[in-house]
Amino acid sequence: MKKCMDADNLHRRLAKIMGQIKAIDRMVDDDVPCEDVLSQISAAKSALNKAGQVILEGHIHHCIKDAVEQGDDAEIENFTKAIERFANMQ
């Protein structure tokens, strides 16, 4: 997996997301207004979605490109299923 993406970039994004989740948890304890909590949840979801996009882009540029060149239909089918699962996350 590391060969097909910028792992450092992804680790930074995931660390930020974990910080956002911890902040949301603190907001609940601090009795922050619901609208503010929902806004932070939306921001965390967007950040997680972007992390998924980074993974998809790297996978397309490396693994899927190689699979197409080699005629690896199984890898392409697996990728199609992964995209469907990712799209259903939205």
PDB file of N, CA and C in Angstrom:
ATOM      1  N   MET A   1       0.819  -1.193   0.000  1.00  0.00           N
ATOM      2  CA  MET A   1       0.000   0.000   0.000  1.00  0.00           C
ATOM      3  C   MET A   1       0.863   1.256   0.000  1.00  0.00           C
ATOM      4  N   LYS A   2       1.989   1.238   0.708  1.00  0.00           N
ATOM      5  CA  LYS A   2       2.833   2.432   0.782  1.00  0.00           C
ATOM      6  C   LYS A   2       3.364   2.850  -0.580  1.00  0.00           C
ATOM      7  N   LYS A   3       3.550   1.887  -1.478  1.00  0.00           N
ATOM      8  CA  LYS A   3       4.123   2.221  -2.780  1.00  0.00           C
ATOM      9  C   LYS A   3       3.165   3.019  -3.657  1.00  0.00           C
ATOM     10  N   CYS A   4       1.886   2.980  -3.355  1.00  0.00           N
ATOM     11  CA  CYS A   4       0.935   3.640  -4.245  1.00  0.00           C
ATOM     12  C   CYS A   4       0.354   4.923  -3.663  1.00  0.00           C
ATOM     13  N   MET A   5       0.969   5.439  -2.591  1.00  0.00           N
ATOM     14  CA  MET A   5       0.446   6.700  -2.051  1.00  0.00           C
ATOM     15  C   MET A   5       1.517   7.414  -1.250  1.00  0.00           C
ATOM     16  N   ASP A   6       1.236   8.636  -0.941  1.00  0.00           N
ATOM     17  CA  ASP A   6       2.099   9.442  -0.086  1.00  0.00           C
ATOM     18  C   ASP A   6       1.708   9.146   1.359  1.00  0.00           C
ATOM     19  N   ALA A   7       2.398   8.177   1.963  1.00  0.00           N
ATOM     20  CA  ALA A   7       2.039   7.724   3.308  1.00  0.00           C
ATOM     21  C   ALA A   7       2.179   8.842   4.332  1.00  0.00           C
ATOM     22  N   ASP A   8       3.195   9.689   4.196  1.00  0.00           N
ATOM     23  CA  ASP A   8       3.368  10.789   5.151  1.00  0.00           C
ATOM     24  C   ASP A   8       2.170  11.733   5.108  1.00  0.00           C
ATOM     25  N   ASN A   9       1.721  12.057   3.912  1.00  0.00           N
ATOM     26  CA  ASN A   9       0.544  12.909   3.748  1.00  0.00           C
ATOM     27  C   ASN A   9      -0.666  12.266   4.407  1.00  0.00           C
ATOM     28  N   LEU A  10      -0.852  10.982   4.173  1.00  0.00           N
ATOM     29  CA  LEU A  10      -1.997  10.286   4.739  1.00  0.00           C
ATOM     30  C   LEU A  10      -1.917  10.235   6.264  1.00  0.00           C
ATOM     31  N   HIS A  11      -0.730   9.980   6.806  1.00  0.00           N
ATOM     32  CA  HIS A  11      -0.569   9.961   8.269  1.00  0.00           C
ATOM     33  C   HIS A  11      -0.900  11.329   8.876  1.00  0.00           C
ATOM     34  N   ARG A  12      -0.474  12.404   8.229  1.00  0.00           N
ATOM     35  CA  ARG A  12      -0.799  13.752   8.724  1.00  0.00           C
ATOM     36  C   ARG A  12      -2.308  13.972   8.713  1.00  0.00           C
ATOM     37  N   ARG A  13      -2.954  13.578   7.646  1.00  0.00           N
ATOM     38  CA  ARG A  13      -4.407  13.741   7.556  1.00  0.00           C
ATOM     39  C   ARG A  13      -5.121  12.937   8.647  1.00  0.00           C
ATOM     40  N   LEU A  14      -4.698  11.701   8.843  1.00  0.00           N
ATOM     41  CA  LEU A  14      -5.338  10.853   9.845  1.00  0.00           C
ATOM     42  C   LEU A  14      -5.108  11.380  11.258  1.00  0.00           C
ATOM     43  N   ALA A  15      -3.926  11.915  11.528  1.00  0.00           N
ATOM     44  CA  ALA A  15      -3.660  12.507  12.846  1.00  0.00           C
ATOM     45  C   ALA A  15      -4.574  13.702  13.085  1.00  0.00           C
ATOM     46  N   LYS A  16      -4.779  14.500  12.052  1.00  0.00           N
ATOM     47  CA  LYS A  16      -5.681  15.649  12.171  1.00  0.00           C
ATOM     48  C   LYS A  16      -7.110  15.178  12.438  1.00  0.00           C
ATOM     49  N   ILE A  17      -7.533  14.146  11.742  1.00  0.00           N
ATOM     50  CA  ILE A  17      -8.881  13.609  11.926  1.00  0.00           C
ATOM     51  C   ILE A  17      -9.047  13.084  13.352  1.00  0.00           C
ATOM     52  N   MET A  18      -8.046  12.376  13.854  1.00  0.00           N
ATOM     53  CA  MET A  18      -8.127  11.869  15.222  1.00  0.00           C
ATOM     54  C   MET A  18      -8.234  13.029  16.215  1.00  0.00           C
ATOM     55  N   GLY A  19      -7.515  14.103  15.956  1.00  0.00           N
ATOM     56  CA  GLY A  19      -7.624  15.287  16.804  1.00  0.00           C
ATOM     57  C   GLY A  19      -9.023  15.886  16.747  1.00  0.00           C
ATOM     58  N   GLN A  20      -9.597  15.923  15.555  1.00  0.00           N
ATOM     59  CA  GLN A  20     -10.959  16.447  15.420  1.00  0.00           C
ATOM     60  C   GLN A  20     -11.956  15.589  16.197  1.00  0.00           C
ATOM     61  N   ILE A  21     -11.810  14.285  16.134  1.00  0.00           N
ATOM     62  CA  ILE A  21     -12.719  13.376  16.838  1.00  0.00           C
ATOM     63  C   ILE A  21     -12.587  13.566  18.350  1.00  0.00           C
ATOM     64  N   LYS A  22     -11.354  13.681  18.833  1.00  0.00           N
ATOM     65  CA  LYS A  22     -11.149  13.912  20.266  1.00  0.00           C
ATOM     66  C   LYS A  22     -11.767  15.245  20.681  1.00  0.00           C
ATOM     67  N   ALA A  23     -11.645  16.254  19.833  1.00  0.00           N
ATOM     68  CA  ALA A  23     -12.235  17.561  20.137  1.00  0.00           C
ATOM     69  C   ALA A  23     -13.760  17.463  20.189  1.00  0.00           C
ATOM     70  N   ILE A  24     -14.338  16.697  19.296  1.00  0.00           N
ATOM     71  CA  ILE A  24     -15.795  16.502  19.308  1.00  0.00           C
ATOM     72  C   ILE A  24     -16.215  15.830  20.612  1.00  0.00           C
ATOM     73  N   ASP A  25     -15.459  14.836  21.024  1.00  0.00           N
ATOM     74  CA  ASP A  25     -15.764  14.145  22.271  1.00  0.00           C
ATOM     75  C   ASP A  25     -15.707  15.118  23.457  1.00  0.00           C
ATOM     76  N   ARG A  26     -14.712  15.993  23.480  1.00  0.00           N
ATOM     77  CA  ARG A  26     -14.607  16.999  24.550  1.00  0.00           C
ATOM     78  C   ARG A  26     -15.776  17.979  24.489  1.00  0.00           C
ATOM     79  N   MET A  27     -16.209  18.315  23.271  1.00  0.00           N
ATOM     80  CA  MET A  27     -17.325  19.248  23.114  1.00  0.00           C
ATOM     81  C   MET A  27     -18.591  18.706  23.784  1.00  0.00           C
ATOM     82  N   VAL A  28     -18.790  17.398  23.690  1.00  0.00           N
ATOM     83  CA  VAL A  28     -19.956  16.782  24.313  1.00  0.00           C
ATOM     84  C   VAL A  28     -19.875  16.966  25.831  1.00  0.00           C
ATOM     85  N   ASP A  29     -18.702  16.718  26.398  1.00  0.00           N
ATOM     86  CA  ASP A  29     -18.519  16.867  27.847  1.00  0.00           C
ATOM     87  C   ASP A  29     -18.618  18.326  28.287  1.00  0.00           C
ATOM     88  N   ASP A  30     -18.222  19.250  27.413  1.00  0.00           N
ATOM     89  CA  ASP A  30     -18.226  20.677  27.751  1.00  0.00           C
ATOM     90  C   ASP A  30     -19.566  21.341  27.474  1.00  0.00           C
ATOM     91  N   ASP A  31     -20.561  20.554  27.105  1.00  0.00           N
ATOM     92  CA  ASP A  31     -21.912  21.057  26.862  1.00  0.00           C
ATOM     93  C   ASP A  31     -21.939  22.157  25.791  1.00  0.00           C
ATOM     94  N   VAL A  32     -21.175  21.924  24.727  1.00  0.00           N
ATOM     95  CA  VAL A  32     -21.141  22.853  23.595  1.00  0.00           C
ATOM     96  C   VAL A  32     -22.465  22.735  22.838  1.00  0.00           C
ATOM     97  N   PRO A  33     -22.973  23.829  22.284  1.00  0.00           N
ATOM     98  CA  PRO A  33     -24.244  23.755  21.540  1.00  0.00           C
ATOM     99  C   PRO A  33     -24.207  22.697  20.426  1.00  0.00           C
ATOM    100  N   CYS A  34     -25.331  22.046  20.244  1.00  0.00           N
ATOM    101  CA  CYS A  34     -25.450  20.958  19.258  1.00  0.00           C
ATOM    102  C   CYS A  34     -25.019  21.390  17.864  1.00  0.00           C
ATOM    103  N   GLU A  35     -25.355  22.613  17.479  1.00  0.00           N
ATOM    104  CA  GLU A  35     -25.009  23.098  16.142  1.00  0.00           C
ATOM    105  C   GLU A  35     -23.496  23.101  15.937  1.00  0.00           C
ATOM    106  N   ASP A  36     -22.758  23.460  16.988  1.00  0.00           N
ATOM    107  CA  ASP A  36     -21.301  23.485  16.889  1.00  0.00           C
ATOM    108  C   ASP A  36     -20.724  22.076  16.796  1.00  0.00           C
ATOM    109  N   VAL A  37     -21.307  21.160  17.548  1.00  0.00           N
ATOM    110  CA  VAL A  37     -20.858  19.765  17.493  1.00  0.00           C
ATOM    111  C   VAL A  37     -21.115  19.203  16.102  1.00  0.00           C
ATOM    112  N   LEU A  38     -22.298  19.451  15.573  1.00  0.00           N
ATOM    113  CA  LEU A  38     -22.626  18.963  14.224  1.00  0.00           C
ATOM    114  C   LEU A  38     -21.699  19.552  13.172  1.00  0.00           C
ATOM    115  N   SER A  39     -21.339  20.803  13.337  1.00  0.00           N
ATOM    116  CA  SER A  39     -20.413  21.443  12.402  1.00  0.00           C
ATOM    117  C   SER A  39     -19.051  20.756  12.434  1.00  0.00           C
ATOM    118  N   GLN A  40     -18.584  20.412  13.620  1.00  0.00           N
ATOM    119  CA  GLN A  40     -17.296  19.728  13.733  1.00  0.00           C
ATOM    120  C   GLN A  40     -17.362  18.303  13.196  1.00  0.00           C
ATOM    121  N   ILE A  41     -18.489  17.647  13.390  1.00  0.00           N
ATOM    122  CA  ILE A  41     -18.664  16.302  12.812  1.00  0.00           C
ATOM    123  C   ILE A  41     -18.610  16.383  11.292  1.00  0.00           C
ATOM    124  N   SER A  42     -19.236  17.387  10.728  1.00  0.00           N
ATOM    125  CA  SER A  42     -19.208  17.576   9.280  1.00  0.00           C
ATOM    126  C   SER A  42     -17.777  17.795   8.787  1.00  0.00           C
ATOM    127  N   ALA A  43     -17.020  18.597   9.524  1.00  0.00           N
ATOM    128  CA  ALA A  43     -15.623  18.849   9.137  1.00  0.00           C
ATOM    129  C   ALA A  43     -14.798  17.565   9.200  1.00  0.00           C
ATOM    130  N   ALA A  44     -15.023  16.749  10.226  1.00  0.00           N
ATOM    131  CA  ALA A  44     -14.286  15.480  10.358  1.00  0.00           C
ATOM    132  C   ALA A  44     -14.658  14.519   9.229  1.00  0.00           C
ATOM    133  N   LYS A  45     -15.942  14.476   8.880  1.00  0.00           N
ATOM    134  CA  LYS A  45     -16.367  13.623   7.765  1.00  0.00           C
ATOM    135  C   LYS A  45     -15.721  14.066   6.460  1.00  0.00           C
ATOM    136  N   SER A  46     -15.650  15.368   6.246  1.00  0.00           N
ATOM    137  CA  SER A  46     -15.016  15.883   5.026  1.00  0.00           C
ATOM    138  C   SER A  46     -13.539  15.514   4.983  1.00  0.00           C
ATOM    139  N   ALA A  47     -12.874  15.634   6.119  1.00  0.00           N
ATOM    140  CA  ALA A  47     -11.453  15.290   6.182  1.00  0.00           C
ATOM    141  C   ALA A  47     -11.238  13.802   5.939  1.00  0.00           C
ATOM    142  N   LEU A  48     -12.111  12.969   6.476  1.00  0.00           N
ATOM    143  CA  LEU A  48     -12.005  11.530   6.259  1.00  0.00           C
ATOM    144  C   LEU A  48     -12.266  11.182   4.796  1.00  0.00           C
ATOM    145  N   ASN A  49     -13.231  11.854   4.202  1.00  0.00           N
ATOM    146  CA  ASN A  49     -13.520  11.652   2.786  1.00  0.00           C
ATOM    147  C   ASN A  49     -12.302  12.018   1.934  1.00  0.00           C
ATOM    148  N   LYS A  50     -11.650  13.113   2.258  1.00  0.00           N
ATOM    149  CA  LYS A  50     -10.464  13.539   1.504  1.00  0.00           C
ATOM    150  C   LYS A  50      -9.332  12.521   1.661  1.00  0.00           C
ATOM    151  N   ALA A  51      -9.185  11.957   2.853  1.00  0.00           N
ATOM    152  CA  ALA A  51      -8.169  10.918   3.055  1.00  0.00           C
ATOM    153  C   ALA A  51      -8.464   9.716   2.146  1.00  0.00           C
ATOM    154  N   GLY A  52      -9.727   9.360   2.022  1.00  0.00           N
ATOM    155  CA  GLY A  52     -10.107   8.275   1.117  1.00  0.00           C
ATOM    156  C   GLY A  52      -9.791   8.609  -0.325  1.00  0.00           C
ATOM    157  N   GLN A  53     -10.000   9.859  -0.699  1.00  0.00           N
ATOM    158  CA  GLN A  53      -9.688  10.284  -2.068  1.00  0.00           C
ATOM    159  C   GLN A  53      -8.189  10.183  -2.344  1.00  0.00           C
ATOM    160  N   VAL A  54      -7.380  10.536  -1.362  1.00  0.00           N
ATOM    161  CA  VAL A  54      -5.924  10.425  -1.516  1.00  0.00           C
ATOM    162  C   VAL A  54      -5.538   8.969  -1.779  1.00  0.00           C
ATOM    163  N   ILE A  55      -6.144   8.059  -1.032  1.00  0.00           N
ATOM    164  CA  ILE A  55      -5.859   6.630  -1.227  1.00  0.00           C
ATOM    165  C   ILE A  55      -6.317   6.176  -2.608  1.00  0.00           C
ATOM    166  N   LEU A  56      -7.525   6.556  -3.003  1.00  0.00           N
ATOM    167  CA  LEU A  56      -8.038   6.172  -4.323  1.00  0.00           C
ATOM    168  C   LEU A  56      -7.152   6.687  -5.450  1.00  0.00           C
ATOM    169  N   GLU A  57      -6.756   7.942  -5.366  1.00  0.00           N
ATOM    170  CA  GLU A  57      -5.912   8.516  -6.417  1.00  0.00           C
ATOM    171  C   GLU A  57      -4.592   7.779  -6.537  1.00  0.00           C
ATOM    172  N   GLY A  58      -3.958   7.499  -5.403  1.00  0.00           N
ATOM    173  CA  GLY A  58      -2.696   6.765  -5.438  1.00  0.00           C
ATOM    174  C   GLY A  58      -2.874   5.373  -6.003  1.00  0.00           C
ATOM    175  N   HIS A  59      -3.946   4.728  -5.617  1.00  0.00           N
ATOM    176  CA  HIS A  59      -4.219   3.367  -6.097  1.00  0.00           C
ATOM    177  C   HIS A  59      -4.444   3.366  -7.608  1.00  0.00           C
ATOM    178  N   ILE A  60      -5.172   4.349  -8.101  1.00  0.00           N
ATOM    179  CA  ILE A  60      -5.414   4.440  -9.547  1.00  0.00           C
ATOM    180  C   ILE A  60      -4.109   4.643 -10.302  1.00  0.00           C
ATOM    181  N   HIS A  61      -3.289   5.570  -9.832  1.00  0.00           N
ATOM    182  CA  HIS A  61      -2.063   5.921 -10.553  1.00  0.00           C
ATOM    183  C   HIS A  61      -1.010   4.819 -10.534  1.00  0.00           C
ATOM    184  N   HIS A  62      -1.087   3.923  -9.567  1.00  0.00           N
ATOM    185  CA  HIS A  62      -0.070   2.878  -9.500  1.00  0.00           C
ATOM    186  C   HIS A  62      -0.667   1.492  -9.736  1.00  0.00           C
ATOM    187  N   CYS A  63      -1.434   1.023  -8.779  1.00  0.00           N
ATOM    188  CA  CYS A  63      -1.920  -0.371  -8.827  1.00  0.00           C
ATOM    189  C   CYS A  63      -2.873  -0.625  -9.991  1.00  0.00           C
ATOM    190  N   ILE A  64      -3.819   0.248 -10.190  1.00  0.00           N
ATOM    191  CA  ILE A  64      -4.801   0.031 -11.252  1.00  0.00           C
ATOM    192  C   ILE A  64      -4.164   0.235 -12.622  1.00  0.00           C
ATOM    193  N   LYS A  65      -3.287   1.210 -12.727  1.00  0.00           N
ATOM    194  CA  LYS A  65      -2.568   1.408 -13.987  1.00  0.00           C
ATOM    195  C   LYS A  65      -1.817   0.127 -14.360  1.00  0.00           C
ATOM    196  N   ASP A  66      -1.123  -0.459 -13.387  1.00  0.00           N
ATOM    197  CA  ASP A  66      -0.399  -1.706 -13.629  1.00  0.00           C
ATOM    198  C   ASP A  66      -1.358  -2.848 -13.979  1.00  0.00           C
ATOM    199  N   ALA A  67      -2.490  -2.911 -13.285  1.00  0.00           N
ATOM    200  CA  ALA A  67      -3.465  -3.979 -13.542  1.00  0.00           C
ATOM    201  C   ALA A  67      -4.023  -3.883 -14.954  1.00  0.00           C
ATOM    202  N   VAL A  68      -4.294  -2.669 -15.414  1.00  0.00           N
ATOM    203  CA  VAL A  68      -4.813  -2.483 -16.776  1.00  0.00           C
ATOM    204  C   VAL A  68      -3.755  -2.908 -17.790  1.00  0.00           C
ATOM    205  N   GLU A  69      -2.514  -2.485 -17.566  1.00  0.00           N
ATOM    206  CA  GLU A  69      -1.430  -2.835 -18.494  1.00  0.00           C
ATOM    207  C   GLU A  69      -1.201  -4.346 -18.559  1.00  0.00           C
ATOM    208  N   GLN A  70      -1.421  -5.032 -17.422  1.00  0.00           N
ATOM    209  CA  GLN A  70      -1.193  -6.479 -17.365  1.00  0.00           C
ATOM    210  C   GLN A  70      -2.466  -7.288 -17.626  1.00  0.00           C
ATOM    211  N   GLY A  71      -3.594  -6.595 -17.826  1.00  0.00           N
ATOM    212  CA  GLY A  71      -4.852  -7.295 -18.079  1.00  0.00           C
ATOM    213  C   GLY A  71      -5.381  -8.038 -16.870  1.00  0.00           C
ATOM    214  N   ASP A  72      -5.100  -7.525 -15.682  1.00  0.00           N
ATOM    215  CA  ASP A  72      -5.522  -8.168 -14.432  1.00  0.00           C
ATOM    216  C   ASP A  72      -6.966  -7.778 -14.112  1.00  0.00           C
ATOM    217  N   ASP A  73      -7.903  -8.525 -14.677  1.00  0.00           N
ATOM    218  CA  ASP A  73      -9.324  -8.228 -14.497  1.00  0.00           C
ATOM    219  C   ASP A  73      -9.778  -8.368 -13.050  1.00  0.00           C
ATOM    220  N   ALA A  74      -9.183  -9.286 -12.295  1.00  0.00           N
ATOM    221  CA  ALA A  74      -9.574  -9.485 -10.897  1.00  0.00           C
ATOM    222  C   ALA A  74      -9.253  -8.239 -10.067  1.00  0.00           C
ATOM    223  N   GLU A  75      -8.093  -7.667 -10.279  1.00  0.00           N
ATOM    224  CA  GLU A  75      -7.708  -6.447  -9.543  1.00  0.00           C
ATOM    225  C   GLU A  75      -8.632  -5.289  -9.900  1.00  0.00           C
ATOM    226  N   ILE A  76      -8.975  -5.185 -11.157  1.00  0.00           N
ATOM    227  CA  ILE A  76      -9.883  -4.121 -11.603  1.00  0.00           C
ATOM    228  C   ILE A  76     -11.266  -4.325 -10.981  1.00  0.00           C
ATOM    229  N   GLU A  77     -11.737  -5.550 -10.918  1.00  0.00           N
ATOM    230  CA  GLU A  77     -13.030  -5.848 -10.297  1.00  0.00           C
ATOM    231  C   GLU A  77     -13.006  -5.514  -8.804  1.00  0.00           C
ATOM    232  N   ASN A  78     -11.922  -5.862  -8.115  1.00  0.00           N
ATOM    233  CA  ASN A  78     -11.793  -5.529  -6.692  1.00  0.00           C
ATOM    234  C   ASN A  78     -11.824  -4.018  -6.485  1.00  0.00           C
ATOM    235  N   PHE A  79     -11.180  -3.299  -7.377  1.00  0.00           N
ATOM    236  CA  PHE A  79     -11.158  -1.843  -7.273  1.00  0.00           C
ATOM    237  C   PHE A  79     -12.552  -1.263  -7.493  1.00  0.00           C
ATOM    238  N   THR A  80     -13.282  -1.816  -8.432  1.00  0.00           N
ATOM    239  CA  THR A  80     -14.652  -1.366  -8.688  1.00  0.00           C
ATOM    240  C   THR A  80     -15.506  -1.527  -7.428  1.00  0.00           C
ATOM    241  N   LYS A  81     -15.368  -2.654  -6.748  1.00  0.00           N
ATOM    242  CA  LYS A  81     -16.111  -2.886  -5.512  1.00  0.00           C
ATOM    243  C   LYS A  81     -15.683  -1.901  -4.423  1.00  0.00           C
ATOM    244  N   ALA A  82     -14.389  -1.614  -4.348  1.00  0.00           N
ATOM    245  CA  ALA A  82     -13.891  -0.663  -3.350  1.00  0.00           C
ATOM    246  C   ALA A  82     -14.454   0.735  -3.596  1.00  0.00           C
ATOM    247  N   ILE A  83     -14.548   1.133  -4.849  1.00  0.00           N
ATOM    248  CA  ILE A  83     -15.112   2.445  -5.182  1.00  0.00           C
ATOM    249  C   ILE A  83     -16.587   2.490  -4.787  1.00  0.00           C
ATOM    250  N   GLU A  84     -17.317   1.424  -5.031  1.00  0.00           N
ATOM    251  CA  GLU A  84     -18.729   1.367  -4.646  1.00  0.00           C
ATOM    252  C   GLU A  84     -18.890   1.518  -3.134  1.00  0.00           C
ATOM    253  N   ARG A  85     -18.055   0.824  -2.358  1.00  0.00           N
ATOM    254  CA  ARG A  85     -18.120   0.935  -0.899  1.00  0.00           C
ATOM    255  C   ARG A  85     -17.787   2.357  -0.457  1.00  0.00           C
ATOM    256  N   PHE A  86     -16.757   2.938  -1.061  1.00  0.00           N
ATOM    257  CA  PHE A  86     -16.347   4.302  -0.710  1.00  0.00           C
ATOM    258  C   PHE A  86     -17.455   5.294  -1.051  1.00  0.00           C
ATOM    259  N   ALA A  87     -18.072   5.119  -2.193  1.00  0.00           N
ATOM    260  CA  ALA A  87     -19.151   6.034  -2.614  1.00  0.00           C
ATOM    261  C   ALA A  87     -20.349   5.926  -1.671  1.00  0.00           C
ATOM    262  N   ASN A  88     -20.609   4.764  -1.130  1.00  0.00           N
ATOM    263  CA  ASN A  88     -21.730   4.587  -0.208  1.00  0.00           C
ATOM    264  C   ASN A  88     -21.457   5.216   1.147  1.00  0.00           C
ATOM    265  N   MET A  89     -20.197   5.548   1.428  1.00  0.00           N
ATOM    266  CA  MET A  89     -19.831   6.215   2.678  1.00  0.00           C
ATOM    267  C   MET A  89     -20.355   7.636   2.741  1.00  0.00           C
ATOM    268  N   GLN A  90     -20.523   8.233   1.592  1.00  0.00           N
ATOM    269  CA  GLN A  90     -20.901   9.632   1.537  1.00  0.00           C
ATOM    270  C   GLN A  90     -22.177   9.793   2.252  1.00  0.00           C
TER     271      GLN A  90
END
